[in-house]
Amino acid sequence: MFNLKFQILNLIDISKLSATLCYMSTVIRISDELAKEAKTRSNVEKRSMTSQVEYWAKIGKIAEDNPDLPFSFIREILLAREEVKSKKEEYVFG
């Protein structure tokens, strides 16, 4: 079952899927302390508060799924993926 789930996830490009589907907003409750931290960090990182919490959730999920990877490595992978997405032309070696 896990192998099938993994194969299906590899076939789906989540970024393209999210652009084509309409997601409903979901209200979640977080502590006032976490909201305050997210607000402060979102100002520094130039993100919305919601985007900051989503970023933390993404990092946390990846870290939980891959406990052997350090945060700096996870962050660099996410940054590299965004850089690849933003480039229109392919990199030519040599």
Protein backbone atom coordinates (compact mmCIF):
# COMPACT_ATOMS: atom_id res chain seq x y z
CA MET A 1 0.00 0.00 0.00
CA PHE A 2 2.80 2.42 0.91
CA ASN A 3 4.60 1.74 -2.37
CA LEU A 4 1.43 2.46 -4.36
CA LYS A 5 0.88 5.70 -2.43
CA PHE A 6 4.48 6.73 -3.10
CA GLN A 7 4.12 5.99 -6.83
CA ILE A 8 0.92 8.03 -7.04
CA LEU A 9 2.54 10.96 -5.23
CA ASN A 10 5.46 10.85 -7.68
CA LEU A 11 3.04 11.11 -10.61
CA ILE A 12 1.32 14.20 -9.24
CA ASP A 13 3.00 17.57 -9.42
CA ILE A 14 1.49 19.19 -6.33
CA SER A 15 2.31 22.73 -7.48
CA LYS A 16 0.37 22.27 -10.71
CA LEU A 17 -2.45 20.53 -8.90
CA SER A 18 -2.87 23.36 -6.42
CA ALA A 19 -3.04 25.87 -9.26
CA THR A 20 -5.89 24.00 -10.92
CA LEU A 21 -7.97 23.10 -7.90
CA CYS A 22 -10.00 25.52 -5.86
CA TYR A 23 -9.29 24.98 -2.17
CA MET A 24 -11.68 26.09 0.50
CA SER A 25 -10.26 28.06 3.38
CA THR A 26 -10.06 26.20 6.63
CA VAL A 27 -10.03 28.03 9.91
CA ILE A 28 -7.68 26.58 12.48
CA ARG A 29 -7.05 27.72 16.01
CA ILE A 30 -3.51 28.41 17.09
CA SER A 31 -2.23 29.84 20.32
CA ASP A 32 -1.88 33.59 20.67
CA GLU A 33 1.83 33.07 21.24
CA LEU A 34 2.29 31.17 17.96
CA ALA A 35 0.19 33.74 16.09
CA LYS A 36 2.34 36.55 17.51
CA GLU A 37 5.55 34.75 16.52
CA ALA A 38 4.16 34.08 13.03
CA LYS A 39 3.18 37.72 12.63
CA THR A 40 6.66 38.91 13.65
CA ARG A 41 8.46 36.40 11.45
CA SER A 42 6.13 37.06 8.52
CA ASN A 43 7.05 40.74 8.61
CA VAL A 44 10.76 39.89 8.55
CA GLU A 45 10.40 37.27 5.80
CA LYS A 46 7.99 39.40 3.72
CA ARG A 47 5.25 36.75 3.83
CA SER A 48 1.67 36.86 4.97
CA MET A 49 1.01 35.42 8.39
CA THR A 50 -0.83 32.52 6.77
CA SER A 51 2.09 31.85 4.42
CA GLN A 52 4.47 31.86 7.39
CA VAL A 53 2.43 29.24 9.26
CA GLU A 54 2.16 27.17 6.04
CA TYR A 55 5.95 27.42 5.61
CA TRP A 56 6.53 26.23 9.16
CA ALA A 57 4.07 23.38 8.62
CA LYS A 58 5.82 22.33 5.40
CA ILE A 59 9.24 22.41 7.06
CA GLY A 60 7.90 20.51 10.06
CA LYS A 61 6.28 17.83 7.90
CA ILE A 62 9.45 17.30 5.88
CA ALA A 63 11.55 17.19 9.05
CA GLU A 64 9.16 14.71 10.64
CA ASP A 65 9.23 12.49 7.54
CA ASN A 66 13.04 12.78 7.28
CA PRO A 67 14.43 13.07 10.80
CA ASP A 68 17.99 12.55 9.60
CA LEU A 69 18.01 15.74 7.49
CA PRO A 70 19.14 18.98 9.14
CA PHE A 71 16.94 22.07 8.81
CA SER A 72 19.53 23.89 6.68
CA PHE A 73 19.48 21.06 4.13
CA ILE A 74 15.67 21.00 3.98
CA ARG A 75 15.62 24.77 3.52
CA GLU A 76 18.19 24.62 0.71
CA ILE A 77 16.18 21.91 -1.08
CA LEU A 78 13.01 24.02 -0.92
CA LEU A 79 14.91 27.07 -2.13
CA ALA A 80 16.44 25.13 -5.03
CA ARG A 81 13.01 23.78 -6.05
CA GLU A 82 11.60 27.31 -6.15
CA GLU A 83 14.58 28.53 -8.20
CA VAL A 84 14.04 25.74 -10.73
CA LYS A 85 10.34 26.62 -10.97
CA SER A 86 11.10 30.29 -11.59
CA LYS A 87 13.53 29.68 -14.45
CA LYS A 88 12.01 29.49 -17.91
CA GLU A 89 14.98 27.96 -19.69
CA GLU A 90 16.91 24.80 -18.98
CA TYR A 91 20.41 24.95 -17.58
CA VAL A 92 23.07 23.99 -20.14
CA PHE A 93 26.12 22.28 -18.70
CA GLY A 94 29.60 23.30 -19.86
